Amino acid sequence: MKRILIVNGPNLNLLGRREPEIYGYTNCETIISQLRERFPDLTIDYFQSNHEGELIDRLQQVGYDAGTGIVLNAGAYTHTSLALADCIAAIEVPVIEVHISNVHAREEIRHRSLISPVATGIIVGLGTDVYRLGVEALTRL
């Protein structure tokens, strides 16, 4: 991998402020800055949207670029978006699904992911380290 796209779904623009007891105190800007420092040989891009169609459009834009990998935290769309799952199944680049919290220890609706069956891998419950671990996983593919 030479290029990594970090994609965050709905409400993840509020990291650091939203329910810090679940999601921690680190904001998106800090996470991306730390990733760029830790992986200077990679181009790390970032995209966040609260809109399902915008997420799909962005995934499709990079979904056929050799040397690219995607770390995706789809937020609540993980559990509801067949359209997002279909998009991931259609693109060629590897997608690592990540979740900051342990979704399996939360409400029952969060136990099922429509994305997991089409993702290359899944990392959950390790706080914002899931982004670093997702990038590391992509560099090893």
C-alpha atoms as a PDB file:
ATOM      1  CA  MET A   1       0.000   0.000   0.000  1.00  0.00           C
ATOM      2  CA  LYS A   2       1.180   3.467  -0.823  1.00  0.00           C
ATOM      3  CA  ARG A   3      -2.047   5.340  -0.259  1.00  0.00           C
ATOM      4  CA  ILE A   4      -4.514   4.897   2.576  1.00  0.00           C
ATOM      5  CA  LEU A   5      -7.924   6.507   2.752  1.00  0.00           C
ATOM      6  CA  ILE A   6      -9.444   6.829   6.210  1.00  0.00           C
ATOM      7  CA  VAL A   7     -13.231   7.101   5.893  1.00  0.00           C
ATOM      8  CA  ASN A   8     -15.494   8.000   8.785  1.00  0.00           C
ATOM      9  CA  GLY A   9     -19.274   7.883   8.675  1.00  0.00           C
ATOM     10  CA  PRO A  10     -21.995   9.723  10.551  1.00  0.00           C
ATOM     11  CA  ASN A  11     -21.253  11.563  13.776  1.00  0.00           C
ATOM     12  CA  LEU A  12     -17.572  10.628  13.769  1.00  0.00           C
ATOM     13  CA  ASN A  13     -16.767  14.255  13.030  1.00  0.00           C
ATOM     14  CA  LEU A  14     -17.687  14.721  16.705  1.00  0.00           C
ATOM     15  CA  LEU A  15     -14.883  12.497  18.030  1.00  0.00           C
ATOM     16  CA  GLY A  16     -13.333  14.010  21.120  1.00  0.00           C
ATOM     17  CA  ARG A  17     -16.613  15.655  22.113  1.00  0.00           C
ATOM     18  CA  ARG A  18     -19.278  12.998  21.592  1.00  0.00           C
ATOM     19  CA  GLU A  19     -19.659  10.484  24.410  1.00  0.00           C
ATOM     20  CA  PRO A  20     -15.975  10.496  25.379  1.00  0.00           C
ATOM     21  CA  GLU A  21     -16.578   7.659  27.840  1.00  0.00           C
ATOM     22  CA  ILE A  22     -17.235   5.465  24.782  1.00  0.00           C
ATOM     23  CA  TYR A  23     -15.231   7.121  22.002  1.00  0.00           C
ATOM     24  CA  GLY A  24     -12.422   8.833  23.910  1.00  0.00           C
ATOM     25  CA  TYR A  25     -11.145  12.393  23.859  1.00  0.00           C
ATOM     26  CA  THR A  26      -9.055  12.314  20.675  1.00  0.00           C
ATOM     27  CA  ASN A  27     -10.472  14.224  17.709  1.00  0.00           C
ATOM     28  CA  CYS A  28     -10.196  13.243  14.035  1.00  0.00           C
ATOM     29  CA  GLU A  29      -7.554  15.851  13.227  1.00  0.00           C
ATOM     30  CA  THR A  30      -5.261  14.457  15.912  1.00  0.00           C
ATOM     31  CA  ILE A  31      -5.803  10.866  14.769  1.00  0.00           C
ATOM     32  CA  ILE A  32      -4.935  11.706  11.160  1.00  0.00           C
ATOM     33  CA  SER A  33      -1.928  13.806  12.179  1.00  0.00           C
ATOM     34  CA  GLN A  34      -0.580  10.962  14.322  1.00  0.00           C
ATOM     35  CA  LEU A  35      -1.060   8.473  11.478  1.00  0.00           C
ATOM     36  CA  ARG A  36       0.803  10.696   9.042  1.00  0.00           C
ATOM     37  CA  GLU A  37       3.681  11.049  11.502  1.00  0.00           C
ATOM     38  CA  ARG A  38       3.818   7.323  12.184  1.00  0.00           C
ATOM     39  CA  PHE A  39       3.615   6.330   8.502  1.00  0.00           C
ATOM     40  CA  PRO A  40       5.628   8.982   6.619  1.00  0.00           C
ATOM     41  CA  ASP A  41       6.048   6.752   3.549  1.00  0.00           C
ATOM     42  CA  LEU A  42       2.289   6.567   3.014  1.00  0.00           C
ATOM     43  CA  THR A  43      -0.110   9.118   1.637  1.00  0.00           C
ATOM     44  CA  ILE A  44      -2.931   9.198   4.162  1.00  0.00           C
ATOM     45  CA  ASP A  45      -6.109  10.917   3.032  1.00  0.00           C
ATOM     46  CA  TYR A  46      -9.185  11.511   5.156  1.00  0.00           C
ATOM     47  CA  PHE A  47     -12.878  11.756   4.359  1.00  0.00           C
ATOM     48  CA  GLN A  48     -15.872  12.065   6.667  1.00  0.00           C
ATOM     49  CA  SER A  49     -19.527  12.436   5.852  1.00  0.00           C
ATOM     50  CA  ASN A  50     -22.850  12.128   7.609  1.00  0.00           C
ATOM     51  CA  HIS A  51     -24.436  11.198   4.261  1.00  0.00           C
ATOM     52  CA  GLU A  52     -24.546   7.651   2.959  1.00  0.00           C
ATOM     53  CA  GLY A  53     -24.383   8.583  -0.728  1.00  0.00           C
ATOM     54  CA  GLU A  54     -21.303  10.761  -0.207  1.00  0.00           C
ATOM     55  CA  LEU A  55     -19.534   7.866   1.517  1.00  0.00           C
ATOM     56  CA  ILE A  56     -20.384   5.563  -1.383  1.00  0.00           C
ATOM     57  CA  ASP A  57     -19.232   8.144  -3.941  1.00  0.00           C
ATOM     58  CA  ARG A  58     -15.865   8.517  -2.180  1.00  0.00           C
ATOM     59  CA  LEU A  59     -15.323   4.756  -1.889  1.00  0.00           C
ATOM     60  CA  GLN A  60     -16.086   4.342  -5.586  1.00  0.00           C
ATOM     61  CA  GLN A  61     -13.626   7.137  -6.485  1.00  0.00           C
ATOM     62  CA  VAL A  62     -10.682   5.205  -5.015  1.00  0.00           C
ATOM     63  CA  GLY A  63     -12.058   1.691  -5.233  1.00  0.00           C
ATOM     64  CA  TYR A  64     -10.069   0.681  -8.294  1.00  0.00           C
ATOM     65  CA  ASP A  65      -6.761   2.468  -7.590  1.00  0.00           C
ATOM     66  CA  ALA A  66      -3.976  -0.099  -7.246  1.00  0.00           C
ATOM     67  CA  GLY A  67      -1.804   0.564  -4.206  1.00  0.00           C
ATOM     68  CA  THR A  68      -4.683   2.008  -2.222  1.00  0.00           C
ATOM     69  CA  GLY A  69      -6.353   0.656   0.888  1.00  0.00           C
ATOM     70  CA  ILE A  70      -9.306   1.901   2.912  1.00  0.00           C
ATOM     71  CA  VAL A  71      -9.823   2.014   6.673  1.00  0.00           C
ATOM     72  CA  LEU A  72     -13.571   2.455   7.157  1.00  0.00           C
ATOM     73  CA  ASN A  73     -15.495   3.355  10.276  1.00  0.00           C
ATOM     74  CA  ALA A  74     -19.001   3.529   8.858  1.00  0.00           C
ATOM     75  CA  GLY A  75     -20.541   4.374  12.229  1.00  0.00           C
ATOM     76  CA  ALA A  76     -24.224   3.487  12.439  1.00  0.00           C
ATOM     77  CA  TYR A  77     -24.314   2.737   8.698  1.00  0.00           C
ATOM     78  CA  THR A  78     -22.402  -0.427   9.563  1.00  0.00           C
ATOM     79  CA  HIS A  79     -25.625  -1.898  10.882  1.00  0.00           C
ATOM     80  CA  THR A  80     -28.096  -0.461   8.379  1.00  0.00           C
ATOM     81  CA  SER A  81     -26.581   0.206   4.960  1.00  0.00           C
ATOM     82  CA  LEU A  82     -26.907  -2.536   2.401  1.00  0.00           C
ATOM     83  CA  ALA A  83     -25.943   0.080  -0.198  1.00  0.00           C
ATOM     84  CA  LEU A  84     -22.599   0.683   1.524  1.00  0.00           C
ATOM     85  CA  ALA A  85     -21.986  -3.063   1.792  1.00  0.00           C
ATOM     86  CA  ASP A  86     -22.780  -3.474  -1.913  1.00  0.00           C
ATOM     87  CA  CYS A  87     -20.291  -0.716  -2.730  1.00  0.00           C
ATOM     88  CA  ILE A  88     -17.519  -2.395  -0.730  1.00  0.00           C
ATOM     89  CA  ALA A  89     -18.265  -5.718  -2.409  1.00  0.00           C
ATOM     90  CA  ALA A  90     -18.017  -4.040  -5.827  1.00  0.00           C
ATOM     91  CA  ILE A  91     -14.710  -2.216  -5.418  1.00  0.00           C
ATOM     92  CA  GLU A  92     -11.324  -3.897  -5.749  1.00  0.00           C
ATOM     93  CA  VAL A  93      -9.197  -2.301  -3.035  1.00  0.00           C
ATOM     94  CA  PRO A  94      -9.022  -3.848   0.442  1.00  0.00           C
ATOM     95  CA  VAL A  95     -11.280  -2.376   3.106  1.00  0.00           C
ATOM     96  CA  ILE A  96     -10.597  -2.777   6.816  1.00  0.00           C
ATOM     97  CA  GLU A  97     -13.704  -2.179   8.938  1.00  0.00           C
ATOM     98  CA  VAL A  98     -12.942  -0.494  12.266  1.00  0.00           C
ATOM     99  CA  HIS A  99     -14.932   0.493  15.343  1.00  0.00           C
ATOM    100  CA  ILE A 100     -13.570   2.442  18.294  1.00  0.00           C
ATOM    101  CA  SER A 101     -15.902   0.776  20.790  1.00  0.00           C
ATOM    102  CA  ASN A 102     -16.546  -2.924  21.193  1.00  0.00           C
ATOM    103  CA  VAL A 103     -19.792  -3.030  19.252  1.00  0.00           C
ATOM    104  CA  HIS A 104     -20.439  -6.572  20.497  1.00  0.00           C
ATOM    105  CA  ALA A 105     -20.625  -5.335  24.088  1.00  0.00           C
ATOM    106  CA  ARG A 106     -23.156  -2.629  23.243  1.00  0.00           C
ATOM    107  CA  GLU A 107     -26.810  -2.584  22.164  1.00  0.00           C
ATOM    108  CA  GLU A 108     -27.959  -5.654  20.259  1.00  0.00           C
ATOM    109  CA  ILE A 109     -28.532  -3.730  17.024  1.00  0.00           C
ATOM    110  CA  ARG A 110     -24.786  -2.958  16.948  1.00  0.00           C
ATOM    111  CA  HIS A 111     -23.855  -6.657  17.060  1.00  0.00           C
ATOM    112  CA  ARG A 112     -24.637  -7.162  13.369  1.00  0.00           C
ATOM    113  CA  SER A 113     -22.562  -5.618  10.626  1.00  0.00           C
ATOM    114  CA  LEU A 114     -23.661  -5.601   7.016  1.00  0.00           C
ATOM    115  CA  ILE A 115     -20.106  -4.564   6.121  1.00  0.00           C
ATOM    116  CA  SER A 116     -18.165  -7.355   7.850  1.00  0.00           C
ATOM    117  CA  PRO A 117     -18.981 -10.053   5.273  1.00  0.00           C
ATOM    118  CA  VAL A 118     -17.471  -7.937   2.474  1.00  0.00           C
ATOM    119  CA  ALA A 119     -14.592  -6.330   4.409  1.00  0.00           C
ATOM    120  CA  THR A 120     -11.043  -7.616   4.156  1.00  0.00           C
ATOM    121  CA  GLY A 121     -10.737  -7.520   7.945  1.00  0.00           C
ATOM    122  CA  ILE A 122     -12.313  -6.101  11.100  1.00  0.00           C
ATOM    123  CA  ILE A 123     -10.818  -4.377  14.143  1.00  0.00           C
ATOM    124  CA  VAL A 124     -13.059  -3.387  17.070  1.00  0.00           C
ATOM    125  CA  GLY A 125     -12.961  -2.162  20.624  1.00  0.00           C
ATOM    126  CA  LEU A 126      -9.412  -0.832  20.947  1.00  0.00           C
ATOM    127  CA  GLY A 127     -10.200   2.862  21.024  1.00  0.00           C
ATOM    128  CA  THR A 128      -8.741   5.139  18.393  1.00  0.00           C
ATOM    129  CA  ASP A 129      -5.841   2.696  17.993  1.00  0.00           C
ATOM    130  CA  VAL A 130      -8.118   0.856  15.566  1.00  0.00           C
ATOM    131  CA  TYR A 131      -7.132   3.366  12.883  1.00  0.00           C
ATOM    132  CA  ARG A 132      -3.404   2.696  13.356  1.00  0.00           C
ATOM    133  CA  LEU A 133      -4.012  -1.043  13.434  1.00  0.00           C
ATOM    134  CA  GLY A 134      -6.097  -0.781  10.269  1.00  0.00           C
ATOM    135  CA  VAL A 135      -3.295   1.060   8.467  1.00  0.00           C
ATOM    136  CA  GLU A 136      -0.752  -1.506   9.687  1.00  0.00           C
ATOM    137  CA  ALA A 137      -2.964  -4.341   8.455  1.00  0.00           C
ATOM    138  CA  LEU A 138      -3.245  -2.743   5.018  1.00  0.00           C
ATOM    139  CA  THR A 139       0.514  -2.297   4.733  1.00  0.00           C
ATOM    140  CA  ARG A 140       0.956  -6.030   5.321  1.00  0.00           C
ATOM    141  CA  LEU A 141      -1.486  -7.180   2.636  1.00  0.00           C
END
